[in-house]
Amino acid sequence: DAASSDKWTTFFNPTSFKNVPVLVGFIAGEAAIDAEDQTDDEIFEDVMRNLKAMYPTIRKPDNIIITRWGKETTARGSYAFKRVNRSWDKDSENLKKGIKRLWFAGEAMYSSPGTTVAAWET
């Protein structure tokens, strides 16, 4: 429907990376901010409505995990990106060393920033 047709249109299937059936849905911008105030059921219905429009025979998943990165106090919706005049490879290698008992994980540790695969792999 018109209320959700412009949301939840980007999906990624990382099943081949971990041999576990997974489908990841993305939302960004103002729509992501608005979605953080929706219930899990409301989000799930929006996602399934769009998936069914693309794949009419898709079945409901066995399990869902909905994150709200904008409300996560340690992330606040942040993501890794290449900064001007910095070496991504050198910076990520330095972060991989850790600091005493503090270890980092996520897309900043991967050779290609800003990807779900990067976060998944680390």
Protein backbone atom coordinates (compact mmCIF):
# COMPACT_ATOMS: atom_id res chain seq x y z
CA ASP A 1 0.00 0.00 0.00
CA ALA A 2 1.00 3.64 -0.31
CA ALA A 3 1.91 3.96 3.38
CA SER A 4 4.69 1.41 3.17
CA SER A 5 5.50 1.14 -0.55
CA ASP A 6 8.54 3.42 -0.29
CA LYS A 7 9.85 1.67 2.84
CA TRP A 8 11.45 -1.73 3.19
CA THR A 9 12.38 -2.11 -0.46
CA THR A 10 16.02 -3.14 0.03
CA PHE A 11 16.79 -6.69 1.10
CA PHE A 12 19.96 -8.75 1.37
CA ASN A 13 20.23 -12.53 1.52
CA PRO A 14 23.51 -13.51 3.30
CA THR A 15 22.56 -17.20 3.49
CA SER A 16 25.54 -18.32 1.41
CA PHE A 17 28.00 -16.66 3.81
CA LYS A 18 26.93 -18.56 6.93
CA ASN A 19 24.82 -21.43 5.52
CA VAL A 20 21.89 -20.26 7.63
CA PRO A 21 18.70 -19.00 5.95
CA VAL A 22 18.59 -15.26 6.58
CA LEU A 23 16.98 -12.29 4.89
CA VAL A 24 17.94 -8.77 6.01
CA GLY A 25 15.73 -5.76 5.29
CA PHE A 26 17.00 -2.20 5.22
CA ILE A 27 15.37 1.14 5.80
CA ALA A 28 17.05 4.54 5.94
CA GLY A 29 16.54 8.25 6.42
CA GLU A 30 13.36 9.66 7.90
CA ALA A 31 11.58 6.36 7.32
CA ALA A 32 14.11 4.63 9.59
CA ILE A 33 13.63 7.25 12.28
CA ASP A 34 9.86 6.84 12.06
CA ALA A 35 10.10 3.04 12.11
CA GLU A 36 11.94 3.12 15.42
CA ASP A 37 8.70 4.22 17.06
CA GLN A 38 6.68 1.40 15.49
CA THR A 39 6.02 -1.87 17.26
CA ASP A 40 7.74 -5.03 16.04
CA ASP A 41 4.38 -6.25 14.72
CA GLU A 42 3.83 -3.04 12.72
CA ILE A 43 7.31 -3.26 11.19
CA PHE A 44 6.85 -6.95 10.42
CA GLU A 45 3.55 -6.28 8.65
CA ASP A 46 5.12 -3.47 6.58
CA VAL A 47 8.04 -5.70 5.58
CA MET A 48 5.83 -8.66 4.69
CA ARG A 49 3.45 -6.45 2.68
CA ASN A 50 6.36 -5.32 0.48
CA LEU A 51 7.90 -8.78 0.23
CA LYS A 52 4.55 -10.27 -0.80
CA ALA A 53 4.20 -7.59 -3.47
CA MET A 54 7.57 -8.71 -4.89
CA TYR A 55 7.27 -12.45 -4.11
CA PRO A 56 3.58 -13.41 -3.77
CA THR A 57 4.30 -16.93 -2.51
CA ILE A 58 6.80 -15.97 0.20
CA ARG A 59 6.03 -17.53 3.57
CA LYS A 60 6.34 -15.94 6.98
CA PRO A 61 9.75 -16.39 8.60
CA ASP A 62 10.35 -18.75 11.50
CA ASN A 63 11.94 -15.94 13.51
CA ILE A 64 12.47 -12.21 13.22
CA ILE A 65 14.94 -9.82 14.83
CA ILE A 66 14.21 -6.12 14.61
CA THR A 67 16.90 -3.66 15.60
CA ARG A 68 16.60 0.01 16.37
CA TRP A 69 20.12 1.32 15.87
CA GLY A 70 19.09 4.95 16.27
CA LYS A 71 17.94 4.23 19.82
CA GLU A 72 20.95 2.03 20.63
CA THR A 73 22.91 4.14 23.13
CA THR A 74 26.28 2.81 21.99
CA ALA A 75 25.68 3.31 18.25
CA ARG A 76 22.98 5.98 17.74
CA GLY A 77 22.46 4.77 14.17
CA SER A 78 26.11 5.14 13.18
CA TYR A 79 27.89 3.27 10.42
CA ALA A 80 31.44 3.01 9.11
CA PHE A 81 32.52 5.14 6.16
CA LYS A 82 35.73 6.08 4.38
CA ARG A 83 37.03 9.35 5.73
CA VAL A 84 38.88 11.77 3.43
CA ASN A 85 42.68 11.64 3.74
CA ARG A 86 42.64 8.40 5.78
CA SER A 87 43.69 4.89 4.84
CA TRP A 88 40.77 2.53 5.38
CA ASP A 89 43.04 -0.51 5.31
CA LYS A 90 45.53 0.94 7.81
CA ASP A 91 42.80 2.19 10.15
CA SER A 92 40.94 -1.13 10.14
CA GLU A 93 44.19 -3.07 10.72
CA ASN A 94 44.93 -0.86 13.74
CA LEU A 95 41.42 -1.41 15.13
CA LYS A 96 41.79 -5.19 14.69
CA LYS A 97 44.69 -5.11 17.20
CA GLY A 98 42.37 -4.06 20.00
CA ILE A 99 43.26 -2.10 23.11
CA LYS A 100 44.14 -4.23 26.12
CA ARG A 101 40.92 -6.24 26.68
CA LEU A 102 38.81 -4.11 24.31
CA TRP A 103 38.19 -5.70 20.89
CA PHE A 104 36.32 -4.20 17.97
CA ALA A 105 34.04 -5.90 15.46
CA GLY A 106 31.75 -4.81 12.69
CA GLU A 107 32.03 -3.22 9.30
CA ALA A 108 35.04 -1.07 10.28
CA MET A 109 37.09 -4.28 10.50
CA TYR A 110 36.39 -5.34 6.92
CA SER A 111 38.03 -4.49 3.62
CA SER A 112 34.85 -2.87 2.26
CA PRO A 113 33.10 -0.36 4.56
CA GLY A 114 29.42 0.24 5.02
CA THR A 115 28.16 -3.25 4.26
CA THR A 116 26.05 -5.82 6.01
CA VAL A 117 28.44 -8.54 4.88
CA ALA A 118 31.26 -6.73 6.66
CA ALA A 119 29.37 -6.59 9.93
CA TRP A 120 28.21 -10.20 9.53
CA GLU A 121 31.70 -11.55 8.76
CA THR A 122 33.32 -10.01 11.83
